[in-house]
Amino acid sequence: MVDLVLGVLAVAVGALLCFRGAATLRLLISLWGALVGFALGGALVAGFTGEPYLTTLPGWLGALAGALLLGVVAYAFYAVSVVLGIGAMGFALGTTAAAAVGITWSWAVALAGVAVGVLLAVLALVSDLPLVILAVIGALAGASILLSGVLLLVGELSPPDLASPETTRAVELGGWWGLAYLGLALAGLVVQLRRPGSRRGTLRGAW
């Protein structure tokens, strides 16, 4: 059940981010904030109670409360939306790149994701990113999130695997998944750039 819910959410948000990132920015970042809040809320309750992730009523309530809180805050405040939205996209890109080059130590993968996320969030805040750059980031990050959702739905990953040091060693994706990622990212970028508004303007203006 948890795999199904998280998988469907990841596929939906990933598809929106990949194909409609620049066009539906404010709504998308709010949904992304809600997804991040859902994951954090459930993880915090699991850490506090010692129960497995999202297997108890308090765990689900904590996840839903986190989703509501971060979703509303991301919609209301530009700076928070940039940190949540662009930072989380950067985290997805960083972890994907680290796993792609064969880094299997989970802390190294996480640190790579955090480093890229912080860099992109700071860059977005101080320079007001052009929408064309956001389209590139959204297509790459969205493809990664969408495929992660598919992996959850088909049983190649489970929620605990996402925090496990063995995850990158245990998941044997093969070349087809790499091609699927590149194909999705390229298709998403083409779709986004075909919209005239995505080739001009800035992040703050779109928000």
Protein backbone atom coordinates (compact mmCIF):
# COMPACT_ATOMS: atom_id res chain seq x y z
CA MET A 1 0.00 0.00 0.00
CA VAL A 2 2.81 2.42 0.93
CA ASP A 3 4.70 1.50 -2.24
CA LEU A 4 1.56 2.13 -4.30
CA VAL A 5 0.82 5.54 -2.77
CA LEU A 6 4.41 6.80 -2.96
CA GLY A 7 4.86 5.32 -6.44
CA VAL A 8 1.74 7.00 -7.83
CA LEU A 9 2.67 10.32 -6.21
CA ALA A 10 6.22 10.15 -7.57
CA VAL A 11 5.02 9.29 -11.08
CA ALA A 12 2.45 12.11 -11.07
CA VAL A 13 4.81 14.78 -9.72
CA GLY A 14 7.69 13.54 -11.89
CA ALA A 15 5.55 13.68 -15.04
CA LEU A 16 4.35 17.20 -14.24
CA LEU A 17 7.87 18.35 -13.51
CA CYS A 18 9.31 16.71 -16.62
CA PHE A 19 6.70 17.91 -19.13
CA ARG A 20 5.11 20.99 -17.54
CA GLY A 21 7.72 22.32 -15.12
CA ALA A 22 7.99 25.90 -16.36
CA ALA A 23 4.32 26.24 -17.35
CA THR A 24 2.77 25.26 -14.00
CA LEU A 25 5.56 26.43 -11.73
CA ARG A 26 3.67 27.63 -8.67
CA LEU A 27 1.26 24.69 -8.55
CA LEU A 28 4.06 22.26 -9.27
CA ILE A 29 6.34 23.56 -6.52
CA SER A 30 3.40 23.41 -4.10
CA LEU A 31 2.79 19.77 -5.03
CA TRP A 32 6.49 19.06 -4.77
CA GLY A 33 6.57 20.73 -1.34
CA ALA A 34 3.64 18.54 -0.31
CA LEU A 35 5.46 15.41 -1.52
CA VAL A 36 8.61 16.40 0.39
CA GLY A 37 6.52 17.17 3.49
CA PHE A 38 4.76 13.81 3.19
CA ALA A 39 8.07 11.95 3.14
CA LEU A 40 9.59 14.04 5.95
CA GLY A 41 6.51 13.85 8.16
CA GLY A 42 6.33 10.08 7.89
CA ALA A 43 10.07 9.71 8.47
CA LEU A 44 10.00 11.93 11.56
CA VAL A 45 7.18 9.94 13.16
CA ALA A 46 8.91 6.66 12.30
CA GLY A 47 12.16 7.90 13.85
CA PHE A 48 10.39 9.13 16.97
CA THR A 49 8.24 6.03 17.55
CA GLY A 50 10.68 3.39 16.26
CA GLU A 51 7.94 1.89 14.08
CA PRO A 52 8.52 1.04 10.40
CA TYR A 53 7.93 3.84 7.90
CA LEU A 54 4.22 4.53 7.24
CA THR A 55 2.92 1.36 8.89
CA THR A 56 0.91 3.02 11.69
CA LEU A 57 -1.89 5.60 11.90
CA PRO A 58 0.40 8.21 13.59
CA GLY A 59 2.89 7.71 10.77
CA TRP A 60 0.26 8.46 8.14
CA LEU A 61 -1.09 11.42 10.11
CA GLY A 62 2.44 12.84 10.43
CA ALA A 63 3.01 12.38 6.69
CA LEU A 64 -0.28 14.09 5.80
CA ALA A 65 0.40 16.94 8.22
CA GLY A 66 3.86 17.45 6.72
CA ALA A 67 2.40 17.43 3.21
CA LEU A 68 -0.21 20.05 4.10
CA LEU A 69 2.25 22.29 5.92
CA LEU A 70 5.01 22.34 3.32
CA GLY A 71 2.56 22.47 0.42
CA VAL A 72 0.85 25.60 1.78
CA VAL A 73 4.12 27.28 2.77
CA ALA A 74 5.65 26.56 -0.66
CA TYR A 75 2.62 28.11 -2.37
CA ALA A 76 2.61 31.23 -0.19
CA PHE A 77 6.28 32.24 0.04
CA TYR A 78 8.62 32.66 -2.93
CA ALA A 79 11.90 32.07 -1.05
CA VAL A 80 10.54 28.92 0.62
CA SER A 81 9.20 27.65 -2.70
CA VAL A 82 12.61 28.12 -4.32
CA VAL A 83 14.42 26.29 -1.51
CA LEU A 84 11.88 23.44 -1.52
CA GLY A 85 11.33 23.24 -5.26
CA ILE A 86 14.68 24.02 -6.86
CA GLY A 87 16.64 22.54 -3.94
CA ALA A 88 14.71 19.27 -4.10
CA MET A 89 15.10 19.11 -7.89
CA GLY A 90 18.83 19.58 -7.39
CA PHE A 91 18.86 16.82 -4.79
CA ALA A 92 17.17 14.45 -7.26
CA LEU A 93 19.70 15.38 -9.94
CA GLY A 94 22.67 14.97 -7.60
CA THR A 95 21.63 11.57 -6.30
CA THR A 96 20.82 10.36 -9.82
CA ALA A 97 24.23 11.47 -11.10
CA ALA A 98 26.04 9.88 -8.14
CA ALA A 99 24.25 6.57 -8.61
CA ALA A 100 24.85 6.70 -12.37
CA VAL A 101 28.63 6.87 -11.92
CA GLY A 102 28.59 3.89 -9.57
CA ILE A 103 28.77 5.50 -6.12
CA THR A 104 27.22 2.93 -3.76
CA TRP A 105 27.83 4.45 -0.33
CA SER A 106 24.50 5.99 0.67
CA TRP A 107 26.02 8.94 2.54
CA ALA A 108 28.09 9.88 -0.50
CA VAL A 109 24.97 9.74 -2.69
CA ALA A 110 23.03 11.85 -0.19
CA LEU A 111 25.84 14.39 0.12
CA ALA A 112 26.02 14.71 -3.65
CA GLY A 113 22.28 15.38 -3.74
CA VAL A 114 22.44 17.93 -0.93
CA ALA A 115 25.39 19.73 -2.54
CA VAL A 116 23.66 20.08 -5.91
CA GLY A 117 20.37 21.04 -4.23
CA VAL A 118 21.95 23.79 -2.13
CA LEU A 119 23.92 25.11 -5.11
CA LEU A 120 20.84 25.36 -7.34
CA ALA A 121 18.66 26.87 -4.58
CA VAL A 122 21.25 29.58 -3.82
CA LEU A 123 21.74 30.25 -7.53
CA ALA A 124 17.98 30.60 -8.03
CA LEU A 125 17.63 33.00 -5.09
CA VAL A 126 20.50 35.30 -6.01
CA SER A 127 20.24 35.30 -9.82
CA ASP A 128 16.55 34.66 -10.64
CA LEU A 129 16.98 31.70 -12.99
CA PRO A 130 15.78 32.03 -16.60
CA LEU A 131 12.86 29.72 -17.33
CA VAL A 132 14.83 27.90 -20.01
CA ILE A 133 17.27 26.69 -17.33
CA LEU A 134 14.34 25.70 -15.14
CA ALA A 135 12.96 23.67 -18.06
CA VAL A 136 16.25 21.76 -18.30
CA ILE A 137 16.40 21.14 -14.54
CA GLY A 138 12.74 20.13 -14.46
CA ALA A 139 13.06 17.69 -17.35
CA LEU A 140 16.11 15.96 -15.83
CA ALA A 141 14.79 15.86 -12.25
CA GLY A 142 11.26 14.96 -13.34
CA ALA A 143 12.47 12.00 -15.38
CA SER A 144 14.42 10.73 -12.36
CA ILE A 145 11.45 11.10 -10.00
CA LEU A 146 9.04 9.53 -12.49
CA LEU A 147 11.26 6.47 -12.97
CA SER A 148 11.73 6.15 -9.20
CA GLY A 149 7.94 6.00 -8.91
CA VAL A 150 7.81 3.30 -11.57
CA LEU A 151 10.45 1.30 -9.68
CA LEU A 152 8.31 1.52 -6.54
CA LEU A 153 5.21 0.41 -8.44
CA VAL A 154 6.88 -2.61 -10.06
CA GLY A 155 8.55 -3.71 -6.84
CA GLU A 156 12.18 -2.99 -7.76
CA LEU A 157 12.33 -0.51 -4.87
CA SER A 158 10.50 -0.20 -1.56
CA PRO A 159 10.36 2.88 0.71
CA PRO A 160 12.99 1.51 3.16
CA ASP A 161 15.36 0.90 0.22
CA LEU A 162 15.56 4.65 -0.37
CA ALA A 163 17.56 5.07 2.83
CA SER A 164 19.51 1.83 2.62
CA PRO A 165 23.28 1.72 1.95
CA GLU A 166 22.68 -1.34 -0.22
CA THR A 167 20.15 0.27 -2.55
CA THR A 168 22.45 1.20 -5.41
CA ARG A 169 24.08 -2.24 -5.25
CA ALA A 170 20.79 -4.13 -4.98
CA VAL A 171 18.96 -2.45 -7.86
CA GLU A 172 20.21 -3.83 -11.15
CA LEU A 173 18.60 -1.50 -13.65
CA GLY A 174 20.61 -2.19 -16.77
CA GLY A 175 20.96 -0.09 -19.89
CA TRP A 176 17.26 0.09 -20.70
CA TRP A 177 16.53 2.18 -17.62
CA GLY A 178 19.31 4.58 -18.53
CA LEU A 179 17.89 4.93 -22.02
CA ALA A 180 14.41 5.42 -20.58
CA TYR A 181 15.71 8.19 -18.34
CA LEU A 182 17.46 9.98 -21.21
CA GLY A 183 14.44 9.55 -23.47
CA LEU A 184 12.03 10.94 -20.88
CA ALA A 185 14.30 13.88 -20.05
CA LEU A 186 14.74 14.75 -23.72
CA ALA A 187 11.03 14.42 -24.46
CA GLY A 188 10.16 16.58 -21.46
CA LEU A 189 12.63 19.26 -22.50
CA VAL A 190 11.30 19.33 -26.07
CA VAL A 191 7.70 19.60 -24.85
CA GLN A 192 8.54 22.42 -22.45
CA LEU A 193 10.63 24.40 -24.92
CA ARG A 194 7.88 24.21 -27.56
CA ARG A 195 5.89 26.58 -25.37
CA PRO A 196 6.96 30.15 -26.27
CA GLY A 197 6.70 31.36 -22.68
CA SER A 198 9.24 28.81 -21.45
CA ARG A 199 12.01 30.27 -23.60
CA ARG A 200 11.88 33.68 -21.99
CA GLY A 201 11.07 35.10 -18.59
CA THR A 202 12.48 34.27 -15.20
CA LEU A 203 11.70 32.07 -12.23
CA ARG A 204 10.40 34.95 -10.08
CA GLY A 205 8.21 36.27 -12.88
CA ALA A 206 6.65 32.85 -13.51
CA TRP A 207 6.03 32.34 -9.78
